[in-house]
Amino acid sequence: MSHSFVAIDFETATGYRDSACAIGIVTVENGVIIDEYYTLIQPPENIYWPKFSLIHSITPEMTESAPEFYTIYPEIKKRMLGRTIVAHNESFDRSVLMKVMRMFQLDYDELLLTDKWECTLKIYRSLGYKPYNLNSCCQAEGIALQHHDALSDARGCALLYLRYLNSI
């Protein structure tokens, strides 16, 4: 397995997967973090469900001047194109990316990604970690984490995946 990959994490403003309000992307080459990217994203109509703001502390005021997804897409594309993608609960983050791209009529297939991404939640659950949420796995592995900060979560996921790769 390659020690070169991209770890990604989204935060959403509502329960709808097309409501991305933050993204963190960490690029790893040969086992070393070489790039980190983070930005707030203005979700559709800048609408938030209050319970989501309580989780990640992102508010409508913080994103009212933030770029919409389509304007940051070139930054995302250059980091993800054809790469191995890792996420903690990959089905969530993959779904957010697909749905927000569809909303802006962007072609997900042009990213040349595999149908399933690598998933540190599934990996660490299979290793017997309980609980196996990102915060608990990082705590068990001594990885610093500011949970629900998209860049910190992406970095934590990247470090978890590297530890796994180095153990097999």
N, C-alpha and C. Protein backbone atom coordinates (compact mmCIF):
# COMPACT_ATOMS: atom_id res chain seq x y z
N MET A 1 0.84 -1.18 0.00
CA MET A 1 0.00 0.00 0.00
C MET A 1 0.89 1.25 0.00
N SER A 2 0.43 2.24 -0.71
CA SER A 2 1.23 3.44 -0.90
C SER A 2 1.18 4.36 0.31
N HIS A 3 2.31 4.95 0.63
CA HIS A 3 2.39 5.95 1.69
C HIS A 3 2.18 7.34 1.11
N SER A 4 1.56 7.41 -0.07
CA SER A 4 1.21 8.68 -0.70
C SER A 4 -0.30 8.69 -0.92
N PHE A 5 -0.97 9.70 -0.37
CA PHE A 5 -2.43 9.76 -0.42
C PHE A 5 -2.88 11.15 0.00
N VAL A 6 -4.19 11.37 -0.07
CA VAL A 6 -4.80 12.62 0.37
C VAL A 6 -5.88 12.27 1.38
N ALA A 7 -5.84 12.91 2.54
CA ALA A 7 -6.89 12.75 3.56
C ALA A 7 -7.80 13.97 3.49
N ILE A 8 -9.09 13.73 3.61
CA ILE A 8 -10.07 14.81 3.44
C ILE A 8 -11.11 14.75 4.54
N ASP A 9 -11.61 15.93 4.93
CA ASP A 9 -12.71 15.99 5.89
C ASP A 9 -13.59 17.19 5.55
N PHE A 10 -14.88 16.96 5.60
CA PHE A 10 -15.87 18.02 5.42
C PHE A 10 -16.63 18.24 6.72
N GLU A 11 -17.06 19.48 6.94
CA GLU A 11 -18.08 19.80 7.93
C GLU A 11 -19.29 20.29 7.13
N THR A 12 -20.48 19.98 7.62
CA THR A 12 -21.70 20.40 6.93
C THR A 12 -22.52 21.32 7.82
N ALA A 13 -23.31 22.17 7.17
CA ALA A 13 -24.12 23.17 7.87
C ALA A 13 -25.46 22.61 8.31
N THR A 14 -25.92 21.56 7.62
CA THR A 14 -27.21 20.94 7.92
C THR A 14 -27.05 19.43 7.77
N GLY A 15 -28.15 18.72 7.87
CA GLY A 15 -28.13 17.27 7.66
C GLY A 15 -28.08 16.89 6.20
N TYR A 16 -28.12 17.86 5.32
CA TYR A 16 -28.05 17.58 3.88
C TYR A 16 -26.60 17.54 3.44
N ARG A 17 -26.27 16.53 2.67
CA ARG A 17 -24.87 16.32 2.30
C ARG A 17 -24.32 17.38 1.35
N ASP A 18 -25.18 18.17 0.73
CA ASP A 18 -24.67 19.22 -0.16
C ASP A 18 -24.44 20.55 0.57
N SER A 19 -24.43 20.50 1.91
CA SER A 19 -24.30 21.74 2.71
C SER A 19 -22.90 21.91 3.29
N ALA A 20 -21.89 21.53 2.53
CA ALA A 20 -20.51 21.68 3.02
C ALA A 20 -20.26 23.12 3.46
N CYS A 21 -19.67 23.27 4.66
CA CYS A 21 -19.34 24.62 5.15
C CYS A 21 -17.86 24.75 5.47
N ALA A 22 -17.12 23.65 5.43
CA ALA A 22 -15.67 23.68 5.63
C ALA A 22 -15.07 22.41 5.04
N ILE A 23 -13.83 22.55 4.57
CA ILE A 23 -13.09 21.39 4.04
C ILE A 23 -11.65 21.49 4.51
N GLY A 24 -11.11 20.32 4.86
CA GLY A 24 -9.69 20.19 5.16
C GLY A 24 -9.12 19.09 4.29
N ILE A 25 -7.98 19.36 3.67
CA ILE A 25 -7.31 18.36 2.82
C ILE A 25 -5.84 18.32 3.23
N VAL A 26 -5.34 17.11 3.50
CA VAL A 26 -3.94 16.92 3.86
C VAL A 26 -3.32 15.98 2.83
N THR A 27 -2.25 16.44 2.20
CA THR A 27 -1.56 15.66 1.17
C THR A 27 -0.32 15.02 1.78
N VAL A 28 -0.19 13.71 1.59
CA VAL A 28 0.93 12.94 2.11
C VAL A 28 1.69 12.33 0.93
N GLU A 29 2.99 12.55 0.89
CA GLU A 29 3.86 11.94 -0.12
C GLU A 29 4.95 11.15 0.59
N ASN A 30 5.04 9.88 0.24
CA ASN A 30 6.07 9.01 0.84
C ASN A 30 6.11 9.10 2.36
N GLY A 31 4.91 9.14 2.96
CA GLY A 31 4.81 9.12 4.42
C GLY A 31 5.00 10.46 5.10
N VAL A 32 5.12 11.55 4.33
CA VAL A 32 5.35 12.87 4.90
C VAL A 32 4.24 13.83 4.45
N ILE A 33 3.67 14.57 5.40
CA ILE A 33 2.68 15.59 5.05
C ILE A 33 3.40 16.72 4.32
N ILE A 34 2.98 16.96 3.07
CA ILE A 34 3.64 18.00 2.27
C ILE A 34 2.74 19.21 2.00
N ASP A 35 1.43 19.08 2.27
CA ASP A 35 0.53 20.19 2.00
C ASP A 35 -0.71 20.05 2.86
N GLU A 36 -1.20 21.19 3.34
CA GLU A 36 -2.46 21.23 4.06
C GLU A 36 -3.30 22.37 3.49
N TYR A 37 -4.57 22.09 3.26
CA TYR A 37 -5.48 23.08 2.69
C TYR A 37 -6.74 23.12 3.53
N TYR A 38 -7.17 24.33 3.85
CA TYR A 38 -8.41 24.51 4.62
C TYR A 38 -9.11 25.75 4.14
N THR A 39 -10.42 25.67 4.04
CA THR A 39 -11.22 26.86 3.80
C THR A 39 -12.64 26.65 4.30
N LEU A 40 -13.23 27.74 4.71
CA LEU A 40 -14.67 27.76 4.95
C LEU A 40 -15.35 27.81 3.59
N ILE A 41 -16.58 27.33 3.52
CA ILE A 41 -17.36 27.29 2.29
C ILE A 41 -18.74 27.84 2.63
N GLN A 42 -19.26 28.69 1.79
CA GLN A 42 -20.63 29.16 2.02
C GLN A 42 -21.60 28.07 1.58
N PRO A 43 -22.39 27.53 2.52
CA PRO A 43 -23.37 26.50 2.14
C PRO A 43 -24.56 27.13 1.41
N PRO A 44 -25.42 26.31 0.81
CA PRO A 44 -26.57 26.85 0.07
C PRO A 44 -27.38 27.83 0.92
N GLU A 45 -27.57 29.02 0.40
CA GLU A 45 -28.32 30.09 1.05
C GLU A 45 -27.77 30.43 2.44
N ASN A 46 -26.56 29.96 2.74
CA ASN A 46 -25.90 30.19 4.03
C ASN A 46 -26.78 29.79 5.22
N ILE A 47 -27.50 28.69 5.03
CA ILE A 47 -28.42 28.19 6.07
C ILE A 47 -27.71 27.14 6.92
N TYR A 48 -27.88 27.28 8.24
CA TYR A 48 -27.32 26.33 9.21
C TYR A 48 -28.42 25.79 10.11
N TRP A 49 -28.30 24.54 10.49
CA TRP A 49 -29.11 24.01 11.57
C TRP A 49 -28.33 24.27 12.85
N PRO A 50 -28.95 24.86 13.86
CA PRO A 50 -28.22 25.24 15.08
C PRO A 50 -27.41 24.10 15.71
N LYS A 51 -27.93 22.88 15.69
CA LYS A 51 -27.19 21.78 16.33
C LYS A 51 -25.88 21.49 15.60
N PHE A 52 -25.80 21.80 14.30
CA PHE A 52 -24.56 21.59 13.56
C PHE A 52 -23.53 22.65 13.94
N SER A 53 -23.99 23.88 14.12
CA SER A 53 -23.06 24.94 14.57
C SER A 53 -22.53 24.62 15.96
N LEU A 54 -23.35 24.01 16.79
CA LEU A 54 -22.87 23.61 18.13
C LEU A 54 -21.77 22.57 18.03
N ILE A 55 -21.84 21.71 17.05
CA ILE A 55 -20.84 20.65 16.88
C ILE A 55 -19.50 21.22 16.40
N HIS A 56 -19.53 22.02 15.32
CA HIS A 56 -18.27 22.47 14.71
C HIS A 56 -17.96 23.95 14.93
N SER A 57 -18.84 24.68 15.57
CA SER A 57 -18.63 26.10 15.90
C SER A 57 -18.55 27.02 14.68
N ILE A 58 -19.01 26.56 13.54
CA ILE A 58 -19.07 27.41 12.35
C ILE A 58 -20.48 27.98 12.27
N THR A 59 -20.56 29.29 12.05
CA THR A 59 -21.85 29.97 12.04
C THR A 59 -22.08 30.67 10.70
N PRO A 60 -23.34 31.05 10.42
CA PRO A 60 -23.62 31.78 9.18
C PRO A 60 -22.80 33.06 9.04
N GLU A 61 -22.54 33.72 10.14
CA GLU A 61 -21.74 34.95 10.10
C GLU A 61 -20.32 34.67 9.59
N MET A 62 -19.81 33.51 9.91
CA MET A 62 -18.45 33.15 9.51
C MET A 62 -18.35 32.83 8.02
N THR A 63 -19.46 32.41 7.42
CA THR A 63 -19.40 31.99 6.02
C THR A 63 -20.16 32.92 5.07
N GLU A 64 -20.72 34.02 5.58
CA GLU A 64 -21.48 34.89 4.69
C GLU A 64 -20.62 35.49 3.58
N SER A 65 -19.32 35.63 3.82
CA SER A 65 -18.42 36.13 2.78
C SER A 65 -17.48 35.04 2.26
N ALA A 66 -17.70 33.81 2.68
CA ALA A 66 -16.84 32.70 2.25
C ALA A 66 -17.17 32.32 0.80
N PRO A 67 -16.21 31.72 0.11
CA PRO A 67 -16.47 31.31 -1.28
C PRO A 67 -17.47 30.16 -1.34
N GLU A 68 -18.22 30.13 -2.43
CA GLU A 68 -19.06 28.96 -2.68
C GLU A 68 -18.15 27.85 -3.21
N PHE A 69 -18.65 26.62 -3.13
CA PHE A 69 -17.83 25.46 -3.47
C PHE A 69 -17.19 25.56 -4.85
N TYR A 70 -17.96 25.96 -5.84
CA TYR A 70 -17.44 25.95 -7.21
C TYR A 70 -16.20 26.83 -7.36
N THR A 71 -16.07 27.88 -6.54
CA THR A 71 -14.90 28.75 -6.68
C THR A 71 -13.63 28.14 -6.08
N ILE A 72 -13.79 27.22 -5.12
CA ILE A 72 -12.61 26.56 -4.54
C ILE A 72 -12.34 25.21 -5.19
N TYR A 73 -13.26 24.76 -6.06
CA TYR A 73 -13.11 23.45 -6.68
C TYR A 73 -11.76 23.26 -7.38
N PRO A 74 -11.22 24.26 -8.08
CA PRO A 74 -9.89 24.04 -8.70
C PRO A 74 -8.81 23.66 -7.68
N GLU A 75 -8.86 24.23 -6.48
CA GLU A 75 -7.90 23.87 -5.43
C GLU A 75 -8.10 22.43 -4.98
N ILE A 76 -9.35 22.03 -4.87
CA ILE A 76 -9.66 20.66 -4.47
C ILE A 76 -9.22 19.68 -5.55
N LYS A 77 -9.56 20.01 -6.79
CA LYS A 77 -9.23 19.12 -7.91
C LYS A 77 -7.73 18.89 -8.02
N LYS A 78 -6.93 19.95 -7.90
CA LYS A 78 -5.48 19.76 -8.08
C LYS A 78 -4.89 18.89 -6.97
N ARG A 79 -5.52 18.86 -5.81
CA ARG A 79 -5.01 18.03 -4.71
C ARG A 79 -5.51 16.59 -4.79
N MET A 80 -6.68 16.37 -5.37
CA MET A 80 -7.31 15.05 -5.35
C MET A 80 -7.15 14.25 -6.63
N LEU A 81 -6.90 14.90 -7.74
CA LEU A 81 -6.94 14.26 -9.05
C LEU A 81 -6.13 12.96 -9.09
N GLY A 82 -6.84 11.86 -9.28
CA GLY A 82 -6.22 10.56 -9.46
C GLY A 82 -5.53 9.98 -8.24
N ARG A 83 -5.73 10.58 -7.09
CA ARG A 83 -5.02 10.16 -5.88
C ARG A 83 -5.80 9.10 -5.10
N THR A 84 -5.12 8.41 -4.20
CA THR A 84 -5.78 7.58 -3.19
C THR A 84 -6.34 8.55 -2.16
N ILE A 85 -7.62 8.41 -1.85
CA ILE A 85 -8.27 9.31 -0.91
C ILE A 85 -8.60 8.54 0.36
N VAL A 86 -8.34 9.18 1.51
CA VAL A 86 -8.59 8.58 2.82
C VAL A 86 -9.50 9.52 3.60
N ALA A 87 -10.46 8.94 4.30
CA ALA A 87 -11.33 9.73 5.18
C ALA A 87 -11.75 8.85 6.35
N HIS A 88 -12.11 9.47 7.44
CA HIS A 88 -12.67 8.73 8.57
C HIS A 88 -14.18 8.75 8.35
N ASN A 89 -14.75 7.60 8.07
CA ASN A 89 -16.13 7.46 7.60
C ASN A 89 -16.21 7.97 6.16
N GLU A 90 -15.49 7.30 5.30
CA GLU A 90 -15.35 7.74 3.91
C GLU A 90 -16.68 7.89 3.19
N SER A 91 -17.67 7.09 3.55
CA SER A 91 -18.95 7.18 2.83
C SER A 91 -19.58 8.55 3.04
N PHE A 92 -19.40 9.15 4.22
CA PHE A 92 -19.92 10.49 4.48
C PHE A 92 -19.19 11.52 3.62
N ASP A 93 -17.88 11.58 3.72
CA ASP A 93 -17.12 12.61 3.01
C ASP A 93 -17.21 12.45 1.49
N ARG A 94 -17.21 11.22 1.02
CA ARG A 94 -17.36 10.97 -0.42
C ARG A 94 -18.72 11.45 -0.90
N SER A 95 -19.75 11.17 -0.09
CA SER A 95 -21.10 11.60 -0.43
C SER A 95 -21.22 13.12 -0.44
N VAL A 96 -20.60 13.80 0.54
CA VAL A 96 -20.63 15.27 0.56
C VAL A 96 -19.99 15.81 -0.72
N LEU A 97 -18.82 15.30 -1.07
CA LEU A 97 -18.14 15.78 -2.27
C LEU A 97 -19.00 15.55 -3.50
N MET A 98 -19.55 14.36 -3.65
CA MET A 98 -20.36 14.04 -4.83
C MET A 98 -21.60 14.93 -4.91
N LYS A 99 -22.27 15.13 -3.79
CA LYS A 99 -23.53 15.89 -3.81
C LYS A 99 -23.28 17.38 -4.02
N VAL A 100 -22.24 17.94 -3.41
CA VAL A 100 -21.98 19.36 -3.62
C VAL A 100 -21.48 19.60 -5.04
N MET A 101 -20.73 18.66 -5.60
CA MET A 101 -20.31 18.78 -7.00
C MET A 101 -21.52 18.71 -7.92
N ARG A 102 -22.44 17.80 -7.65
CA ARG A 102 -23.64 17.68 -8.47
C ARG A 102 -24.46 18.96 -8.42
N MET A 103 -24.53 19.58 -7.24
CA MET A 103 -25.30 20.81 -7.08
C MET A 103 -24.76 21.91 -8.01
N PHE A 104 -23.45 21.94 -8.19
CA PHE A 104 -22.83 22.96 -9.05
C PHE A 104 -22.53 22.43 -10.45
N GLN A 105 -23.11 21.29 -10.79
CA GLN A 105 -22.96 20.68 -12.12
C GLN A 105 -21.50 20.46 -12.49
N LEU A 106 -20.73 20.01 -11.50
CA LEU A 106 -19.32 19.64 -11.72
C LEU A 106 -19.26 18.12 -11.88
N ASP A 107 -18.35 17.65 -12.69
CA ASP A 107 -18.26 16.23 -13.03
C ASP A 107 -17.33 15.49 -12.06
N TYR A 108 -17.91 14.73 -11.14
CA TYR A 108 -17.13 13.96 -10.16
C TYR A 108 -16.16 13.00 -10.86
N ASP A 109 -16.58 12.41 -11.96
CA ASP A 109 -15.75 11.43 -12.65
C ASP A 109 -14.42 12.01 -13.13
N GLU A 110 -14.36 13.33 -13.37
CA GLU A 110 -13.12 13.92 -13.86
C GLU A 110 -12.02 13.90 -12.80
N LEU A 111 -12.37 13.61 -11.54
CA LEU A 111 -11.37 13.51 -10.48
C LEU A 111 -10.58 12.20 -10.55
N LEU A 112 -11.10 11.23 -11.31
CA LEU A 112 -10.43 9.94 -11.51
C LEU A 112 -10.14 9.23 -10.18
N LEU A 113 -11.18 9.16 -9.34
CA LEU A 113 -11.05 8.51 -8.03
C LEU A 113 -11.67 7.13 -8.06
N THR A 114 -11.24 6.27 -7.13
CA THR A 114 -11.83 4.95 -7.01
C THR A 114 -13.24 5.08 -6.45
N ASP A 115 -14.05 4.04 -6.66
CA ASP A 115 -15.43 4.06 -6.18
C ASP A 115 -15.51 4.13 -4.66
N LYS A 116 -14.59 3.48 -3.99
CA LYS A 116 -14.53 3.53 -2.53
C LYS A 116 -13.19 4.12 -2.14
N TRP A 117 -13.22 4.92 -1.11
CA TRP A 117 -11.98 5.50 -0.59
C TRP A 117 -11.49 4.64 0.56
N GLU A 118 -10.27 4.86 1.00
CA GLU A 118 -9.76 4.21 2.20
C GLU A 118 -10.48 4.83 3.40
N CYS A 119 -10.80 4.01 4.39
CA CYS A 119 -11.62 4.47 5.51
C CYS A 119 -10.97 4.10 6.84
N THR A 120 -10.46 5.11 7.54
CA THR A 120 -9.81 4.82 8.83
C THR A 120 -10.82 4.36 9.88
N LEU A 121 -12.07 4.75 9.78
CA LEU A 121 -13.08 4.24 10.71
C LEU A 121 -13.19 2.72 10.57
N LYS A 122 -13.33 2.24 9.35
CA LYS A 122 -13.45 0.79 9.12
C LYS A 122 -12.17 0.07 9.52
N ILE A 123 -11.01 0.67 9.20
CA ILE A 123 -9.74 0.04 9.54
C ILE A 123 -9.61 -0.11 11.05
N TYR A 124 -9.83 0.96 11.79
CA TYR A 124 -9.62 0.91 13.23
C TYR A 124 -10.72 0.11 13.94
N ARG A 125 -11.92 0.09 13.39
CA ARG A 125 -12.96 -0.79 13.94
C ARG A 125 -12.53 -2.24 13.77
N SER A 126 -11.96 -2.58 12.60
CA SER A 126 -11.53 -3.96 12.35
C SER A 126 -10.35 -4.35 13.25
N LEU A 127 -9.61 -3.35 13.72
CA LEU A 127 -8.49 -3.61 14.64
C LEU A 127 -8.94 -3.74 16.08
N GLY A 128 -10.24 -3.56 16.32
CA GLY A 128 -10.79 -3.75 17.66
C GLY A 128 -10.91 -2.49 18.49
N TYR A 129 -10.70 -1.33 17.90
CA TYR A 129 -10.84 -0.09 18.66
C TYR A 129 -12.31 0.14 18.99
N LYS A 130 -12.57 0.52 20.27
CA LYS A 130 -13.92 0.86 20.71
C LYS A 130 -13.81 2.01 21.68
N PRO A 131 -14.50 3.10 21.49
CA PRO A 131 -15.21 3.39 20.24
C PRO A 131 -14.22 3.68 19.12
N TYR A 132 -14.72 3.73 17.91
CA TYR A 132 -13.83 3.89 16.75
C TYR A 132 -14.09 5.20 16.01
N ASN A 133 -14.69 6.17 16.71
CA ASN A 133 -14.83 7.50 16.09
C ASN A 133 -13.45 8.15 16.02
N LEU A 134 -13.34 9.19 15.23
CA LEU A 134 -12.05 9.83 14.98
C LEU A 134 -11.40 10.32 16.27
N ASN A 135 -12.17 10.97 17.10
CA ASN A 135 -11.64 11.51 18.35
C ASN A 135 -11.05 10.40 19.22
N SER A 136 -11.77 9.32 19.37
CA SER A 136 -11.31 8.21 20.22
C SER A 136 -10.09 7.52 19.65
N CYS A 137 -10.08 7.29 18.35
CA CYS A 137 -8.92 6.64 17.71
C CYS A 137 -7.67 7.52 17.84
N CYS A 138 -7.82 8.82 17.60
CA CYS A 138 -6.67 9.72 17.72
C CYS A 138 -6.19 9.77 19.17
N GLN A 139 -7.13 9.80 20.11
CA GLN A 139 -6.74 9.83 21.52
C GLN A 139 -5.98 8.56 21.89
N ALA A 140 -6.47 7.41 21.43
CA ALA A 140 -5.81 6.14 21.73
C ALA A 140 -4.41 6.08 21.12
N GLU A 141 -4.21 6.76 20.00
CA GLU A 141 -2.92 6.75 19.31
C GLU A 141 -2.03 7.94 19.68
N GLY A 142 -2.50 8.80 20.59
CA GLY A 142 -1.71 9.95 21.02
C GLY A 142 -1.57 11.03 19.95
N ILE A 143 -2.57 11.12 19.08
CA ILE A 143 -2.56 12.13 18.01
C ILE A 143 -3.40 13.32 18.46
N ALA A 144 -2.79 14.50 18.45
CA ALA A 144 -3.51 15.72 18.83
C ALA A 144 -4.63 15.99 17.83
N LEU A 145 -5.78 16.39 18.36
CA LEU A 145 -6.94 16.60 17.49
C LEU A 145 -7.82 17.69 18.07
N GLN A 146 -8.21 18.62 17.22
CA GLN A 146 -9.27 19.57 17.55
C GLN A 146 -10.48 19.10 16.77
N HIS A 147 -11.26 18.22 17.42
CA HIS A 147 -12.33 17.50 16.72
C HIS A 147 -13.36 18.45 16.12
N HIS A 148 -13.79 18.15 14.91
CA HIS A 148 -14.75 18.91 14.11
C HIS A 148 -14.17 20.20 13.55
N ASP A 149 -12.85 20.34 13.59
CA ASP A 149 -12.16 21.33 12.76
C ASP A 149 -11.70 20.53 11.55
N ALA A 150 -12.16 20.90 10.36
CA ALA A 150 -11.95 20.06 9.17
C ALA A 150 -10.47 19.78 8.89
N LEU A 151 -9.61 20.77 9.09
CA LEU A 151 -8.18 20.51 8.82
C LEU A 151 -7.58 19.60 9.89
N SER A 152 -7.91 19.83 11.13
CA SER A 152 -7.40 18.97 12.20
C SER A 152 -7.91 17.54 12.01
N ASP A 153 -9.17 17.39 11.63
CA ASP A 153 -9.73 16.05 11.39
C ASP A 153 -9.04 15.37 10.21
N ALA A 154 -8.78 16.11 9.14
CA ALA A 154 -8.09 15.52 7.99
C ALA A 154 -6.67 15.12 8.37
N ARG A 155 -5.99 15.96 9.16
CA ARG A 155 -4.63 15.64 9.61
C ARG A 155 -4.65 14.41 10.52
N GLY A 156 -5.59 14.36 11.45
CA GLY A 156 -5.71 13.20 12.34
C GLY A 156 -5.96 11.92 11.55
N CYS A 157 -6.81 12.00 10.56
CA CYS A 157 -7.10 10.86 9.70
C CYS A 157 -5.84 10.43 8.95
N ALA A 158 -5.10 11.40 8.41
CA ALA A 158 -3.86 11.08 7.68
C ALA A 158 -2.87 10.37 8.60
N LEU A 159 -2.72 10.87 9.82
CA LEU A 159 -1.77 10.26 10.76
C LEU A 159 -2.22 8.87 11.20
N LEU A 160 -3.53 8.69 11.38
CA LEU A 160 -4.04 7.34 11.69
C LEU A 160 -3.74 6.38 10.54
N TYR A 161 -3.95 6.83 9.31
CA TYR A 161 -3.72 5.97 8.16
C TYR A 161 -2.24 5.63 8.03
N LEU A 162 -1.38 6.60 8.26
CA LEU A 162 0.07 6.33 8.22
C LEU A 162 0.47 5.32 9.28
N ARG A 163 -0.08 5.44 10.49
CA ARG A 163 0.24 4.47 11.54
C ARG A 163 -0.20 3.08 11.12
N TYR A 164 -1.37 3.00 10.52
CA TYR A 164 -1.86 1.71 10.05
C TYR A 164 -0.92 1.15 8.97
N LEU A 165 -0.57 1.97 7.98
CA LEU A 165 0.31 1.50 6.91
C LEU A 165 1.65 1.04 7.44
N ASN A 166 2.17 1.74 8.43
CA ASN A 166 3.46 1.38 9.00
C ASN A 166 3.41 0.13 9.87
N SER A 167 2.18 -0.31 10.21
CA SER A 167 2.05 -1.49 11.08
C SER A 167 1.82 -2.77 10.29
N ILE A 168 1.53 -2.64 8.99
CA ILE A 168 1.20 -3.85 8.22
C ILE A 168 2.42 -4.31 7.39
